[in-house]
Amino acid sequence: MNFHGVEKVAGVVAGVR
């Protein structure tokens, strides 16, 4: 599993939300 990808997506989503 790519945790780095999840972290990046989570960070972007958190910033947008």
PDB file of N, CA and C in Angstrom:
ATOM      1  N   MET A   1       0.851  -1.204   0.000  1.00  0.00           N
ATOM      2  CA  MET A   1       0.000   0.000   0.000  1.00  0.00           C
ATOM      3  C   MET A   1       0.887   1.255   0.000  1.00  0.00           C
ATOM      4  N   ASN A   2       0.449   2.278  -0.683  1.00  0.00           N
ATOM      5  CA  ASN A   2       1.246   3.517  -0.741  1.00  0.00           C
ATOM      6  C   ASN A   2       0.733   4.518   0.294  1.00  0.00           C
ATOM      7  N   PHE A   3       1.345   4.506   1.458  1.00  0.00           N
ATOM      8  CA  PHE A   3       0.898   5.436   2.497  1.00  0.00           C
ATOM      9  C   PHE A   3       1.259   6.872   2.125  1.00  0.00           C
ATOM     10  N   HIS A   4       2.366   7.018   1.398  1.00  0.00           N
ATOM     11  CA  HIS A   4       2.780   8.368   0.995  1.00  0.00           C
ATOM     12  C   HIS A   4       1.692   9.004   0.138  1.00  0.00           C
ATOM     13  N   GLY A   5       1.132   8.233  -0.768  1.00  0.00           N
ATOM     14  CA  GLY A   5       0.072   8.762  -1.634  1.00  0.00           C
ATOM     15  C   GLY A   5      -1.129   9.165  -0.797  1.00  0.00           C
ATOM     16  N   VAL A   6      -1.454   8.321   0.185  1.00  0.00           N
ATOM     17  CA  VAL A   6      -2.613   8.625   1.047  1.00  0.00           C
ATOM     18  C   VAL A   6      -2.358   9.912   1.818  1.00  0.00           C
ATOM     19  N   GLU A   7      -1.160  10.033   2.344  1.00  0.00           N
ATOM     20  CA  GLU A   7      -0.841  11.245   3.112  1.00  0.00           C
ATOM     21  C   GLU A   7      -0.938  12.486   2.235  1.00  0.00           C
ATOM     22  N   LYS A   8      -0.425  12.369   1.002  1.00  0.00           N
ATOM     23  CA  LYS A   8      -0.461  13.526   0.101  1.00  0.00           C
ATOM     24  C   LYS A   8      -1.912  13.896  -0.195  1.00  0.00           C
ATOM     25  N   VAL A   9      -2.723  12.896  -0.532  1.00  0.00           N
ATOM     26  CA  VAL A   9      -4.131  13.152  -0.853  1.00  0.00           C
ATOM     27  C   VAL A   9      -4.844  13.706   0.375  1.00  0.00           C
ATOM     28  N   ALA A  10      -4.579  13.121   1.540  1.00  0.00           N
ATOM     29  CA  ALA A  10      -5.234  13.579   2.772  1.00  0.00           C
ATOM     30  C   ALA A  10      -4.872  15.040   3.037  1.00  0.00           C
ATOM     31  N   GLY A  11      -3.609  15.377   2.826  1.00  0.00           N
ATOM     32  CA  GLY A  11      -3.171  16.760   3.064  1.00  0.00           C
ATOM     33  C   GLY A  11      -3.875  17.718   2.117  1.00  0.00           C
ATOM     34  N   VAL A  12      -3.979  17.337   0.848  1.00  0.00           N
ATOM     35  CA  VAL A  12      -4.646  18.205  -0.133  1.00  0.00           C
ATOM     36  C   VAL A  12      -6.114  18.352   0.231  1.00  0.00           C
ATOM     37  N   VAL A  13      -6.761  17.242   0.560  1.00  0.00           N
ATOM     38  CA  VAL A  13      -8.187  17.286   0.909  1.00  0.00           C
ATOM     39  C   VAL A  13      -8.386  18.134   2.162  1.00  0.00           C
ATOM     40  N   ALA A  14      -7.527  17.947   3.157  1.00  0.00           N
ATOM     41  CA  ALA A  14      -7.645  18.713   4.404  1.00  0.00           C
ATOM     42  C   ALA A  14      -7.473  20.206   4.108  1.00  0.00           C
ATOM     43  N   GLY A  15      -6.537  20.539   3.233  1.00  0.00           N
ATOM     44  CA  GLY A  15      -6.304  21.952   2.907  1.00  0.00           C
ATOM     45  C   GLY A  15      -7.507  22.536   2.185  1.00  0.00           C
ATOM     46  N   VAL A  16      -8.067  21.772   1.242  1.00  0.00           N
ATOM     47  CA  VAL A  16      -9.219  22.275   0.483  1.00  0.00           C
ATOM     48  C   VAL A  16     -10.428  22.384   1.400  1.00  0.00           C
ATOM     49  N   ARG A  17     -10.605  21.345   2.256  1.00  0.00           N
ATOM     50  CA  ARG A  17     -11.757  21.395   3.162  1.00  0.00           C
ATOM     51  C   ARG A  17     -11.402  22.369   4.276  1.00  0.00           C
TER      52      ARG A  17
END
